[in-house]
C-alpha atoms as a PDB file:
ATOM      1  CA  MET A   1      10.581  22.065  12.553  1.00  0.00           C
ATOM      2  CA  THR A   2       9.160  23.688   9.461  1.00  0.00           C
ATOM      3  CA  GLY A   3      10.604  22.669   6.122  1.00  0.00           C
ATOM      4  CA  GLN A   4      10.634  19.717   3.805  1.00  0.00           C
ATOM      5  CA  LEU A   5      11.969  16.209   4.062  1.00  0.00           C
ATOM      6  CA  PHE A   6      14.625  15.199   1.545  1.00  0.00           C
ATOM      7  CA  ASP A   7      16.695  12.042   1.411  1.00  0.00           C
ATOM      8  CA  ASN A   8      20.411  11.785   0.674  1.00  0.00           C
ATOM      9  CA  HIS A   9      19.642  11.411  -3.037  1.00  0.00           C
ATOM     10  CA  GLY A  10      17.748  14.689  -3.245  1.00  0.00           C
ATOM     11  CA  ARG A  11      14.291  13.122  -3.371  1.00  0.00           C
ATOM     12  CA  GLN A  12      11.541  15.007  -1.574  1.00  0.00           C
ATOM     13  CA  ILE A  13       9.471  12.920   0.841  1.00  0.00           C
ATOM     14  CA  ASN A  14       5.844  13.983   1.169  1.00  0.00           C
ATOM     15  CA  TYR A  15       3.973  10.689   1.493  1.00  0.00           C
ATOM     16  CA  LEU A  16       3.609   8.404   4.528  1.00  0.00           C
ATOM     17  CA  ARG A  17       2.216   4.877   4.436  1.00  0.00           C
ATOM     18  CA  LEU A  18       1.119   3.986   7.939  1.00  0.00           C
ATOM     19  CA  ALA A  19       0.082   0.434   8.823  1.00  0.00           C
ATOM     20  CA  VAL A  20      -2.287   0.458  11.792  1.00  0.00           C
ATOM     21  CA  THR A  21      -2.337  -3.319  12.303  1.00  0.00           C
ATOM     22  CA  ASP A  22      -0.653  -6.481  11.090  1.00  0.00           C
ATOM     23  CA  ARG A  23      -3.856  -8.496  11.455  1.00  0.00           C
ATOM     24  CA  CYS A  24      -5.764  -9.651   8.405  1.00  0.00           C
ATOM     25  CA  ASN A  25      -8.863 -11.774   7.938  1.00  0.00           C
ATOM     26  CA  LEU A  26      -7.697 -13.127   4.569  1.00  0.00           C
ATOM     27  CA  ARG A  27      -4.859 -15.603   4.053  1.00  0.00           C
ATOM     28  CA  CYS A  28      -3.570 -14.695   0.590  1.00  0.00           C
ATOM     29  CA  PHE A  29      -0.944 -17.293  -0.211  1.00  0.00           C
ATOM     30  CA  TYR A  30       1.544 -14.706  -1.510  1.00  0.00           C
ATOM     31  CA  CYS A  31       1.311 -12.667   1.687  1.00  0.00           C
ATOM     32  CA  MET A  32       1.312 -15.138   4.562  1.00  0.00           C
ATOM     33  CA  PRO A  33       1.201 -18.853   5.337  1.00  0.00           C
ATOM     34  CA  GLU A  34      -2.211 -20.534   5.562  1.00  0.00           C
ATOM     35  CA  GLU A  35      -1.972 -20.767   9.354  1.00  0.00           C
ATOM     36  CA  GLY A  36      -1.314 -17.033   9.534  1.00  0.00           C
ATOM     37  CA  ILE A  37       1.569 -15.256  11.232  1.00  0.00           C
ATOM     38  CA  ASN A  38       2.518 -14.536  14.818  1.00  0.00           C
ATOM     39  CA  TYR A  39       0.679 -11.281  15.356  1.00  0.00           C
ATOM     40  CA  VAL A  40       2.293  -8.468  17.285  1.00  0.00           C
ATOM     41  CA  ALA A  41       1.208  -8.127  20.911  1.00  0.00           C
ATOM     42  CA  ARG A  42      -1.087  -5.164  21.467  1.00  0.00           C
ATOM     43  CA  THR A  43       1.470  -3.477  23.740  1.00  0.00           C
ATOM     44  CA  GLN A  44       4.017  -3.528  20.921  1.00  0.00           C
ATOM     45  CA  LEU A  45       1.724  -1.745  18.478  1.00  0.00           C
ATOM     46  CA  LEU A  46       1.788   1.995  18.127  1.00  0.00           C
ATOM     47  CA  THR A  47      -1.204   3.405  19.959  1.00  0.00           C
ATOM     48  CA  TYR A  48      -3.550   5.689  18.083  1.00  0.00           C
ATOM     49  CA  GLU A  49      -2.272   8.559  20.249  1.00  0.00           C
ATOM     50  CA  GLU A  50       1.305   7.779  19.202  1.00  0.00           C
ATOM     51  CA  MET A  51       0.299   7.628  15.545  1.00  0.00           C
ATOM     52  CA  LEU A  52      -1.465  10.977  15.777  1.00  0.00           C
ATOM     53  CA  ARG A  53       1.547  12.557  17.413  1.00  0.00           C
ATOM     54  CA  MET A  54       3.877  11.145  14.757  1.00  0.00           C
ATOM     55  CA  VAL A  55       1.715  12.521  11.928  1.00  0.00           C
ATOM     56  CA  GLN A  56       1.472  15.902  13.665  1.00  0.00           C
ATOM     57  CA  VAL A  57       5.276  15.997  13.747  1.00  0.00           C
ATOM     58  CA  LEU A  58       5.663  14.911  10.118  1.00  0.00           C
ATOM     59  CA  VAL A  59       3.157  17.276   8.503  1.00  0.00           C
ATOM     60  CA  PRO A  60       5.180  20.444   9.253  1.00  0.00           C
ATOM     61  CA  LEU A  61       8.224  18.628   7.832  1.00  0.00           C
ATOM     62  CA  GLY A  62       6.477  18.221   4.495  1.00  0.00           C
ATOM     63  CA  ILE A  63       4.281  15.119   4.684  1.00  0.00           C
ATOM     64  CA  GLU A  64       1.130  16.068   2.783  1.00  0.00           C
ATOM     65  CA  LYS A  65      -0.341  12.687   1.978  1.00  0.00           C
ATOM     66  CA  ILE A  66      -0.940   9.651   4.168  1.00  0.00           C
ATOM     67  CA  ARG A  67      -2.153   6.172   3.317  1.00  0.00           C
ATOM     68  CA  LEU A  68      -3.570   4.066   6.129  1.00  0.00           C
ATOM     69  CA  THR A  69      -3.196   0.362   5.593  1.00  0.00           C
ATOM     70  CA  GLY A  70      -2.569  -2.913   7.406  1.00  0.00           C
ATOM     71  CA  GLY A  71      -2.976  -5.902   7.471  1.00  0.00           C
ATOM     72  CA  GLU A  72      -6.592  -4.969   7.199  1.00  0.00           C
ATOM     73  CA  PRO A  73      -7.088  -1.580   8.890  1.00  0.00           C
ATOM     74  CA  PHE A  74     -10.782  -2.095   9.632  1.00  0.00           C
ATOM     75  CA  LEU A  75      -9.883  -5.038  11.870  1.00  0.00           C
ATOM     76  CA  ARG A  76      -8.356  -2.701  14.440  1.00  0.00           C
ATOM     77  CA  ARG A  77     -10.836  -1.602  17.056  1.00  0.00           C
ATOM     78  CA  ASP A  78     -11.886   2.052  16.918  1.00  0.00           C
ATOM     79  CA  PHE A  79     -10.247   2.586  13.532  1.00  0.00           C
ATOM     80  CA  MET A  80     -13.022   4.954  12.471  1.00  0.00           C
ATOM     81  CA  ASP A  81     -12.402   7.066  15.580  1.00  0.00           C
ATOM     82  CA  PHE A  82      -8.770   7.323  14.520  1.00  0.00           C
ATOM     83  CA  LEU A  83      -9.811   8.334  11.009  1.00  0.00           C
ATOM     84  CA  ARG A  84     -12.008  11.079  12.427  1.00  0.00           C
ATOM     85  CA  ALA A  85      -9.127  12.374  14.521  1.00  0.00           C
ATOM     86  CA  ILE A  86      -6.524  12.306  11.778  1.00  0.00           C
ATOM     87  CA  SER A  87      -8.867  14.046   9.348  1.00  0.00           C
ATOM     88  CA  THR A  88      -8.695  17.171  11.542  1.00  0.00           C
ATOM     89  CA  ILE A  89      -4.903  17.599  11.259  1.00  0.00           C
ATOM     90  CA  GLU A  90      -4.240  20.919   9.584  1.00  0.00           C
ATOM     91  CA  GLY A  91      -1.914  20.756   6.598  1.00  0.00           C
ATOM     92  CA  LEU A  92      -2.630  17.119   5.740  1.00  0.00           C
ATOM     93  CA  LYS A  93      -3.914  17.345   2.182  1.00  0.00           C
ATOM     94  CA  GLN A  94      -4.809  13.726   1.436  1.00  0.00           C
ATOM     95  CA  ILE A  95      -5.907  10.735   3.483  1.00  0.00           C
ATOM     96  CA  ASN A  96      -6.067   7.497   1.517  1.00  0.00           C
ATOM     97  CA  LEU A  97      -6.918   3.950   2.525  1.00  0.00           C
ATOM     98  CA  THR A  98      -5.916   0.484   1.425  1.00  0.00           C
ATOM     99  CA  THR A  99      -8.368  -2.277   2.356  1.00  0.00           C
ATOM    100  CA  ASN A 100      -9.339  -5.782   1.322  1.00  0.00           C
ATOM    101  CA  GLY A 101     -12.954  -4.628   1.384  1.00  0.00           C
ATOM    102  CA  THR A 102     -14.375  -7.437   3.498  1.00  0.00           C
ATOM    103  CA  LEU A 103     -15.422  -5.146   6.362  1.00  0.00           C
ATOM    104  CA  THR A 104     -15.553  -1.792   4.613  1.00  0.00           C
ATOM    105  CA  GLU A 105     -18.953  -1.424   2.948  1.00  0.00           C
ATOM    106  CA  GLN A 106     -20.819  -0.162   6.025  1.00  0.00           C
ATOM    107  CA  HIS A 107     -18.267   2.619   6.536  1.00  0.00           C
ATOM    108  CA  VAL A 108     -18.257   3.986   2.984  1.00  0.00           C
ATOM    109  CA  PRO A 109     -20.798   6.807   3.605  1.00  0.00           C
ATOM    110  CA  GLU A 110     -18.699   8.159   6.476  1.00  0.00           C
ATOM    111  CA  LEU A 111     -15.478   7.781   4.477  1.00  0.00           C
ATOM    112  CA  LYS A 112     -17.059  10.095   1.934  1.00  0.00           C
ATOM    113  CA  GLN A 113     -18.154  12.488   4.683  1.00  0.00           C
ATOM    114  CA  LEU A 114     -14.652  12.592   6.181  1.00  0.00           C
ATOM    115  CA  GLY A 115     -13.168  13.517   2.813  1.00  0.00           C
ATOM    116  CA  ILE A 116     -11.122  10.364   2.280  1.00  0.00           C
ATOM    117  CA  HIS A 117      -9.366  11.106  -0.998  1.00  0.00           C
ATOM    118  CA  SER A 118      -9.065   7.612  -2.434  1.00  0.00           C
ATOM    119  CA  VAL A 119      -9.387   3.937  -1.574  1.00  0.00           C
ATOM    120  CA  ASN A 120      -7.208   1.137  -2.898  1.00  0.00           C
ATOM    121  CA  LEU A 121      -9.236  -2.064  -2.927  1.00  0.00           C
ATOM    122  CA  SER A 122      -7.246  -5.282  -3.095  1.00  0.00           C
ATOM    123  CA  ILE A 123      -8.942  -7.831  -5.351  1.00  0.00           C
ATOM    124  CA  ASP A 124      -6.900 -10.455  -7.167  1.00  0.00           C
ATOM    125  CA  SER A 125      -9.718 -12.203  -9.025  1.00  0.00           C
ATOM    126  CA  LEU A 126     -13.259 -11.543 -10.193  1.00  0.00           C
ATOM    127  CA  ASP A 127     -13.990 -15.265 -10.139  1.00  0.00           C
ATOM    128  CA  ARG A 128     -15.326 -16.470  -6.808  1.00  0.00           C
ATOM    129  CA  GLN A 129     -13.527 -19.811  -6.897  1.00  0.00           C
ATOM    130  CA  ARG A 130     -10.168 -18.322  -7.878  1.00  0.00           C
ATOM    131  CA  PHE A 131     -10.594 -15.593  -5.288  1.00  0.00           C
ATOM    132  CA  HIS A 132     -11.190 -18.304  -2.680  1.00  0.00           C
ATOM    133  CA  GLU A 133      -8.120 -20.243  -3.799  1.00  0.00           C
ATOM    134  CA  ILE A 134      -5.891 -17.163  -3.651  1.00  0.00           C
ATOM    135  CA  THR A 135      -7.178 -15.700  -0.375  1.00  0.00           C
ATOM    136  CA  ARG A 136      -8.250 -18.969   1.282  1.00  0.00           C
ATOM    137  CA  ARG A 137     -11.514 -17.207   2.129  1.00  0.00           C
ATOM    138  CA  ASP A 138     -14.870 -17.067   0.298  1.00  0.00           C
ATOM    139  CA  SER A 139     -15.226 -13.289   0.600  1.00  0.00           C
ATOM    140  CA  LEU A 140     -15.594 -11.998  -2.948  1.00  0.00           C
ATOM    141  CA  PRO A 141     -19.269 -10.950  -2.483  1.00  0.00           C
ATOM    142  CA  GLU A 142     -18.343  -8.684   0.439  1.00  0.00           C
ATOM    143  CA  VAL A 143     -15.431  -7.171  -1.475  1.00  0.00           C
ATOM    144  CA  TRP A 144     -17.589  -6.521  -4.517  1.00  0.00           C
ATOM    145  CA  ALA A 145     -20.262  -4.866  -2.358  1.00  0.00           C
ATOM    146  CA  THR A 146     -17.590  -2.513  -1.053  1.00  0.00           C
ATOM    147  CA  PHE A 147     -16.477  -1.748  -4.600  1.00  0.00           C
ATOM    148  CA  GLU A 148     -19.999  -0.855  -5.671  1.00  0.00           C
ATOM    149  CA  ALA A 149     -20.493   1.321  -2.572  1.00  0.00           C
ATOM    150  CA  LEU A 150     -17.254   3.226  -3.219  1.00  0.00           C
ATOM    151  CA  VAL A 151     -18.230   3.904  -6.820  1.00  0.00           C
ATOM    152  CA  ALA A 152     -21.765   4.902  -5.826  1.00  0.00           C
ATOM    153  CA  HIS A 153     -20.409   7.448  -3.324  1.00  0.00           C
ATOM    154  CA  GLY A 154     -17.976   8.922  -5.833  1.00  0.00           C
ATOM    155  CA  ILE A 155     -14.824   7.982  -3.929  1.00  0.00           C
ATOM    156  CA  ASP A 156     -11.748   7.685  -6.144  1.00  0.00           C
ATOM    157  CA  THR A 157     -11.237   3.928  -6.311  1.00  0.00           C
ATOM    158  CA  LYS A 158      -8.265   1.866  -7.422  1.00  0.00           C
ATOM    159  CA  LEU A 159      -8.528  -1.899  -7.779  1.00  0.00           C
ATOM    160  CA  ASN A 160      -5.196  -3.560  -7.030  1.00  0.00           C
ATOM    161  CA  ALA A 161      -4.505  -7.053  -8.363  1.00  0.00           C
ATOM    162  CA  VAL A 162      -1.269  -8.968  -7.881  1.00  0.00           C
ATOM    163  CA  VAL A 163      -0.491 -10.837 -11.105  1.00  0.00           C
ATOM    164  CA  MET A 164       0.429 -14.453 -10.381  1.00  0.00           C
ATOM    165  CA  ASP A 165       1.468 -17.047 -12.931  1.00  0.00           C
ATOM    166  CA  GLN A 166      -0.990 -19.966 -13.161  1.00  0.00           C
ATOM    167  CA  ARG A 167      -3.251 -18.329 -10.570  1.00  0.00           C
ATOM    168  CA  ASN A 168      -5.145 -15.359 -11.997  1.00  0.00           C
ATOM    169  CA  ILE A 169      -3.838 -14.593 -15.493  1.00  0.00           C
ATOM    170  CA  GLU A 170      -7.335 -15.205 -16.878  1.00  0.00           C
ATOM    171  CA  ASP A 171      -8.577 -12.341 -14.701  1.00  0.00           C
ATOM    172  CA  ILE A 172      -6.405  -9.667 -16.316  1.00  0.00           C
ATOM    173  CA  LEU A 173      -8.621  -8.858 -19.286  1.00  0.00           C
ATOM    174  CA  PRO A 174     -11.957  -9.051 -17.396  1.00  0.00           C
ATOM    175  CA  MET A 175     -10.527  -6.609 -14.861  1.00  0.00           C
ATOM    176  CA  VAL A 176      -9.391  -4.270 -17.635  1.00  0.00           C
ATOM    177  CA  GLU A 177     -12.938  -4.432 -19.033  1.00  0.00           C
ATOM    178  CA  LEU A 178     -14.236  -2.999 -15.729  1.00  0.00           C
ATOM    179  CA  THR A 179     -12.737   0.340 -16.742  1.00  0.00           C
ATOM    180  CA  LYS A 180     -15.285   0.565 -19.564  1.00  0.00           C
ATOM    181  CA  LYS A 181     -18.263   0.607 -17.195  1.00  0.00           C
ATOM    182  CA  TYR A 182     -16.698   2.156 -14.109  1.00  0.00           C
ATOM    183  CA  PRO A 183     -14.599   5.342 -13.638  1.00  0.00           C
ATOM    184  CA  VAL A 184     -11.939   3.479 -11.671  1.00  0.00           C
ATOM    185  CA  SER A 185      -8.277   2.640 -12.016  1.00  0.00           C
ATOM    186  CA  VAL A 186      -7.482  -1.054 -12.346  1.00  0.00           C
ATOM    187  CA  ARG A 187      -3.872  -1.661 -11.418  1.00  0.00           C
ATOM    188  CA  PHE A 188      -1.833  -4.810 -11.929  1.00  0.00           C
ATOM    189  CA  ILE A 189       1.070  -5.382  -9.557  1.00  0.00           C
ATOM    190  CA  GLU A 190       4.110  -7.539 -10.133  1.00  0.00           C
ATOM    191  CA  GLU A 191       4.330 -10.288  -7.524  1.00  0.00           C
ATOM    192  CA  MET A 192       6.924  -9.556  -4.838  1.00  0.00           C
ATOM    193  CA  PRO A 193       9.045 -11.854  -2.633  1.00  0.00           C
ATOM    194  CA  PHE A 194       7.075 -11.059   0.540  1.00  0.00           C
ATOM    195  CA  ASN A 195       4.931 -14.119   0.975  1.00  0.00           C
ATOM    196  CA  GLY A 196       6.081 -15.213   4.402  1.00  0.00           C
ATOM    197  CA  ASP A 197       8.204 -18.162   3.227  1.00  0.00           C
ATOM    198  CA  THR A 198      11.359 -16.382   2.026  1.00  0.00           C
ATOM    199  CA  ALA A 199      10.616 -17.080  -1.653  1.00  0.00           C
ATOM    200  CA  HIS A 200      13.054 -15.751  -4.245  1.00  0.00           C
ATOM    201  CA  TYR A 201      12.556 -15.428  -7.969  1.00  0.00           C
ATOM    202  CA  GLN A 202      15.235 -16.216 -10.511  1.00  0.00           C
ATOM    203  CA  LYS A 203      12.976 -14.744 -13.172  1.00  0.00           C
ATOM    204  CA  LEU A 204       9.553 -13.207 -12.690  1.00  0.00           C
ATOM    205  CA  PRO A 205       7.144 -14.952 -15.131  1.00  0.00           C
ATOM    206  CA  TRP A 206       4.832 -11.936 -15.440  1.00  0.00           C
ATOM    207  CA  ASP A 207       6.757  -8.684 -15.237  1.00  0.00           C
ATOM    208  CA  HIS A 208       5.367  -5.247 -16.094  1.00  0.00           C
ATOM    209  CA  ARG A 209       6.359  -5.580 -19.756  1.00  0.00           C
ATOM    210  CA  ARG A 210       4.567  -8.891 -20.246  1.00  0.00           C
ATOM    211  CA  ILE A 211       1.454  -7.644 -18.443  1.00  0.00           C
ATOM    212  CA  THR A 212       1.357  -4.567 -20.689  1.00  0.00           C
ATOM    213  CA  GLU A 213       1.850  -6.632 -23.843  1.00  0.00           C
ATOM    214  CA  HIS A 214      -0.934  -8.995 -22.774  1.00  0.00           C
ATOM    215  CA  ILE A 215      -3.362  -6.091 -22.343  1.00  0.00           C
ATOM    216  CA  ARG A 216      -2.262  -4.350 -25.539  1.00  0.00           C
ATOM    217  CA  ALA A 217      -2.878  -7.500 -27.566  1.00  0.00           C
ATOM    218  CA  ALA A 218      -6.559  -7.347 -26.560  1.00  0.00           C
ATOM    219  CA  TYR A 219      -6.791  -3.542 -26.549  1.00  0.00           C
ATOM    220  CA  PRO A 220      -4.576  -2.205 -29.375  1.00  0.00           C
ATOM    221  CA  GLY A 221      -5.703   1.344 -28.594  1.00  0.00           C
ATOM    222  CA  LEU A 222      -4.018   1.238 -25.181  1.00  0.00           C
ATOM    223  CA  GLU A 223      -2.492   4.686 -24.795  1.00  0.00           C
ATOM    224  CA  LYS A 224       0.192   5.783 -22.351  1.00  0.00           C
ATOM    225  CA  LEU A 225      -0.787   8.627 -20.033  1.00  0.00           C
ATOM    226  CA  VAL A 226       1.511  11.128 -18.356  1.00  0.00           C
ATOM    227  CA  ASP A 227       2.263   9.692 -14.916  1.00  0.00           C
ATOM    228  CA  PRO A 228       1.917  12.080 -11.955  1.00  0.00           C
ATOM    229  CA  PRO A 229       5.032  12.872  -9.864  1.00  0.00           C
ATOM    230  CA  GLY A 230       5.990  10.016  -7.556  1.00  0.00           C
ATOM    231  CA  SER A 231       3.690   7.565  -9.325  1.00  0.00           C
ATOM    232  CA  THR A 232       4.461   3.895  -8.771  1.00  0.00           C
ATOM    233  CA  SER A 233       2.367   2.870 -11.763  1.00  0.00           C
ATOM    234  CA  TYR A 234       2.654   3.208 -15.522  1.00  0.00           C
ATOM    235  CA  ASN A 235      -0.794   4.505 -16.428  1.00  0.00           C
ATOM    236  CA  TYR A 236      -2.814   3.945 -19.587  1.00  0.00           C
ATOM    237  CA  SER A 237      -6.185   4.804 -21.082  1.00  0.00           C
ATOM    238  CA  ILE A 238      -8.324   2.856 -23.542  1.00  0.00           C
ATOM    239  CA  PRO A 239     -10.570   4.676 -26.026  1.00  0.00           C
ATOM    240  CA  GLY A 240     -14.208   4.541 -24.907  1.00  0.00           C
ATOM    241  CA  HIS A 241     -13.351   3.519 -21.339  1.00  0.00           C
ATOM    242  CA  GLN A 242     -14.222   5.679 -18.318  1.00  0.00           C
ATOM    243  CA  GLY A 243     -11.415   4.386 -16.146  1.00  0.00           C
ATOM    244  CA  THR A 244      -7.696   3.806 -16.526  1.00  0.00           C
ATOM    245  CA  VAL A 245      -5.233   0.937 -16.299  1.00  0.00           C
ATOM    246  CA  GLY A 246      -2.052   0.960 -14.226  1.00  0.00           C
ATOM    247  CA  ILE A 247       0.931  -1.394 -14.171  1.00  0.00           C
ATOM    248  CA  ILE A 248       3.058  -1.382 -11.007  1.00  0.00           C
ATOM    249  CA  ALA A 249       6.597  -2.719 -11.426  1.00  0.00           C
ATOM    250  CA  ALA A 250       6.899  -3.575  -7.741  1.00  0.00           C
ATOM    251  CA  TYR A 251       9.457  -6.342  -8.245  1.00  0.00           C
ATOM    252  CA  SER A 252      11.311  -4.756 -11.158  1.00  0.00           C
ATOM    253  CA  ARG A 253      11.530  -1.536  -9.104  1.00  0.00           C
ATOM    254  CA  THR A 254      11.649   0.847 -12.045  1.00  0.00           C
ATOM    255  CA  PHE A 255      10.089   3.749 -10.101  1.00  0.00           C
ATOM    256  CA  CYS A 256      12.656   4.076  -7.285  1.00  0.00           C
ATOM    257  CA  GLY A 257      14.279   7.170  -8.762  1.00  0.00           C
ATOM    258  CA  SER A 258      11.210   9.284  -7.986  1.00  0.00           C
ATOM    259  CA  CYS A 259      10.166   7.607  -4.736  1.00  0.00           C
ATOM    260  CA  ASN A 260       8.535  10.132  -2.404  1.00  0.00           C
ATOM    261  CA  ARG A 261       7.352   7.835   0.379  1.00  0.00           C
ATOM    262  CA  ILE A 262       8.261   6.334   3.695  1.00  0.00           C
ATOM    263  CA  ARG A 263       6.552   3.550   5.621  1.00  0.00           C
ATOM    264  CA  VAL A 264       5.847   2.992   9.288  1.00  0.00           C
ATOM    265  CA  THR A 265       4.903  -0.525  10.361  1.00  0.00           C
ATOM    266  CA  PRO A 266       2.332  -1.374  13.064  1.00  0.00           C
ATOM    267  CA  LYS A 267       5.192  -1.644  15.584  1.00  0.00           C
ATOM    268  CA  GLY A 268       6.392   1.829  14.700  1.00  0.00           C
ATOM    269  CA  LEU A 269       9.377   0.740  12.620  1.00  0.00           C
ATOM    270  CA  LEU A 270      10.389   3.301   9.999  1.00  0.00           C
ATOM    271  CA  LYS A 271      11.114   1.800   6.589  1.00  0.00           C
ATOM    272  CA  THR A 272      12.613   4.230   4.103  1.00  0.00           C
ATOM    273  CA  CYS A 273      12.217   1.527   1.425  1.00  0.00           C
ATOM    274  CA  LEU A 274       9.787  -1.348   1.031  1.00  0.00           C
ATOM    275  CA  TYR A 275      12.759  -3.690   0.731  1.00  0.00           C
ATOM    276  CA  ASP A 276      14.766  -2.599   3.782  1.00  0.00           C
ATOM    277  CA  GLN A 277      14.587  -4.180   7.230  1.00  0.00           C
ATOM    278  CA  GLY A 278      13.543  -0.978   8.941  1.00  0.00           C
ATOM    279  CA  VAL A 279      15.936   1.716  10.020  1.00  0.00           C
ATOM    280  CA  LEU A 280      14.474   3.252  13.173  1.00  0.00           C
ATOM    281  CA  SER A 281      11.947   2.432  15.905  1.00  0.00           C
ATOM    282  CA  ILE A 282       9.687   5.455  16.196  1.00  0.00           C
ATOM    283  CA  ARG A 283       7.803   3.660  18.962  1.00  0.00           C
ATOM    284  CA  ASP A 284      10.889   3.217  21.128  1.00  0.00           C
ATOM    285  CA  ILE A 285      11.986   6.822  20.630  1.00  0.00           C
ATOM    286  CA  MET A 286       8.594   8.155  21.664  1.00  0.00           C
ATOM    287  CA  ARG A 287       8.281   5.829  24.651  1.00  0.00           C
ATOM    288  CA  ALA A 288      11.766   6.851  25.797  1.00  0.00           C
ATOM    289  CA  GLY A 289      10.474  10.406  26.204  1.00  0.00           C
ATOM    290  CA  ALA A 290      11.681  12.112  23.019  1.00  0.00           C
ATOM    291  CA  THR A 291      10.404  15.635  22.383  1.00  0.00           C
ATOM    292  CA  ASP A 292       8.714  16.516  19.110  1.00  0.00           C
ATOM    293  CA  ASP A 293      11.928  18.203  17.952  1.00  0.00           C
ATOM    294  CA  GLN A 294      13.947  15.085  18.736  1.00  0.00           C
ATOM    295  CA  LEU A 295      11.411  12.953  16.895  1.00  0.00           C
ATOM    296  CA  ALA A 296      11.622  15.243  13.865  1.00  0.00           C
ATOM    297  CA  ASP A 297      15.427  15.067  13.959  1.00  0.00           C
ATOM    298  CA  ALA A 298      15.259  11.271  14.031  1.00  0.00           C
ATOM    299  CA  PHE A 299      13.228  11.235  10.815  1.00  0.00           C
ATOM    300  CA  THR A 300      15.460  13.712   8.993  1.00  0.00           C
ATOM    301  CA  THR A 301      18.629  11.890  10.064  1.00  0.00           C
ATOM    302  CA  ALA A 302      17.316   8.477   9.017  1.00  0.00           C
ATOM    303  CA  LEU A 303      16.568   9.782   5.535  1.00  0.00           C
ATOM    304  CA  GLN A 304      20.209  10.750   5.068  1.00  0.00           C
ATOM    305  CA  HIS A 305      21.130   7.062   4.927  1.00  0.00           C
ATOM    306  CA  ARG A 306      18.449   5.901   2.504  1.00  0.00           C
ATOM    307  CA  ALA A 307      19.194   3.273  -0.126  1.00  0.00           C
ATOM    308  CA  LYS A 308      19.286   4.530  -3.693  1.00  0.00           C
ATOM    309  CA  ASP A 309      16.710   1.955  -4.787  1.00  0.00           C
ATOM    310  CA  GLY A 310      15.036  -1.289  -3.798  1.00  0.00           C
ATOM    311  CA  TRP A 311      17.891  -3.389  -5.129  1.00  0.00           C
ATOM    312  CA  GLU A 312      20.411  -1.635  -2.903  1.00  0.00           C
ATOM    313  CA  ALA A 313      18.051  -1.889   0.067  1.00  0.00           C
ATOM    314  CA  GLU A 314      17.570  -5.608  -0.535  1.00  0.00           C
ATOM    315  CA  GLY A 315      21.328  -6.044  -0.818  1.00  0.00           C
ATOM    316  CA  ARG A 316      21.735  -4.642   2.689  1.00  0.00           C
ATOM    317  CA  LEU A 317      19.501  -7.320   4.213  1.00  0.00           C
ATOM    318  CA  SER A 318      21.145  -9.560   6.735  1.00  0.00           C
ATOM    319  CA  ASN A 319      20.950 -13.339   6.705  1.00  0.00           C
ATOM    320  CA  ASP A 320      18.403 -13.113   9.501  1.00  0.00           C
ATOM    321  CA  PRO A 321      15.452 -15.333   8.471  1.00  0.00           C
ATOM    322  CA  ASN A 322      13.129 -12.678   9.838  1.00  0.00           C
ATOM    323  CA  ALA A 323      14.448 -10.213   7.272  1.00  0.00           C
ATOM    324  CA  ARG A 324      11.771 -11.494   4.887  1.00  0.00           C
ATOM    325  CA  GLU A 325       8.456 -10.347   6.231  1.00  0.00           C
ATOM    326  CA  SER A 326       4.854 -10.912   5.389  1.00  0.00           C
ATOM    327  CA  MET A 327       3.331  -7.963   3.564  1.00  0.00           C
ATOM    328  CA  ALA A 328       0.849  -7.798   6.444  1.00  0.00           C
ATOM    329  CA  THR A 329       3.645  -6.790   8.822  1.00  0.00           C
ATOM    330  CA  ILE A 330       5.146  -4.303   6.356  1.00  0.00           C
ATOM    331  CA  GLY A 331       2.021  -2.390   5.488  1.00  0.00           C
ATOM    332  CA  GLY A 332       0.427  -3.611   2.283  1.00  0.00           C
END
């Protein structure tokens, strides 16, 4: 079982995004309908034991980095117990989290103690009213308290904001300004067609180029940094600022050529691309009695049929209305 995972395009896979729940306590309009979604029954979710086993199989194959996400991961009962367990897996070099920050502040000291490498904090506006309009919840104070706790404990923090026309454009520059005071990365993400109502874009109003131009107009010294291998963001620095700025071309999909990640949904569905429908049920294979070797073979085989990029993966989608999922069911 030792070795490294490669797809059929020669790309090495060393990064797993694992969604531990599809439940979320926010109702961001671009992610799910106001009334929410039909949550997966508990029996259909991967158990923590199944997740641990899956990671223990994947690490010898070359997975070095894992990101735990949701939904909102801290909504799942005993999530901290799972974090403690997964932090003991030998060979796993990085454990990262994505959270909306509403329930996270109290856990920050232990996250630091467990060696959590970085936390992505989703925050689409610094204005309380706009935040409420976007998320349909008045939770900005709790999110900001989490942000301050993460910075205070020296945990590498990335603020993720989805850029939405006529919703939060006025937040772009104030969020960039945060990098002057705080040693954080503020990252702006192109809006994607995963909002739970099968939306399609003929033309994205704010793509990565327009976002960059908007920032550069206010900060002419914006300087391109060398992006690390597998980076999904174009990264920049501003003279005199402690932090950095990132632009993620999630809809334009300009980073597919170096993609090093796979996703597993809360139901145990393997997605080799954010835009595919899922290619393999890890849950069903495990519950059918597969050995660790058989599970490893299932992963390596699935990667030999991976789409070249997100456009090809999207082109393979069926006409099934369920092919368009909420981001909460995909894994953030």
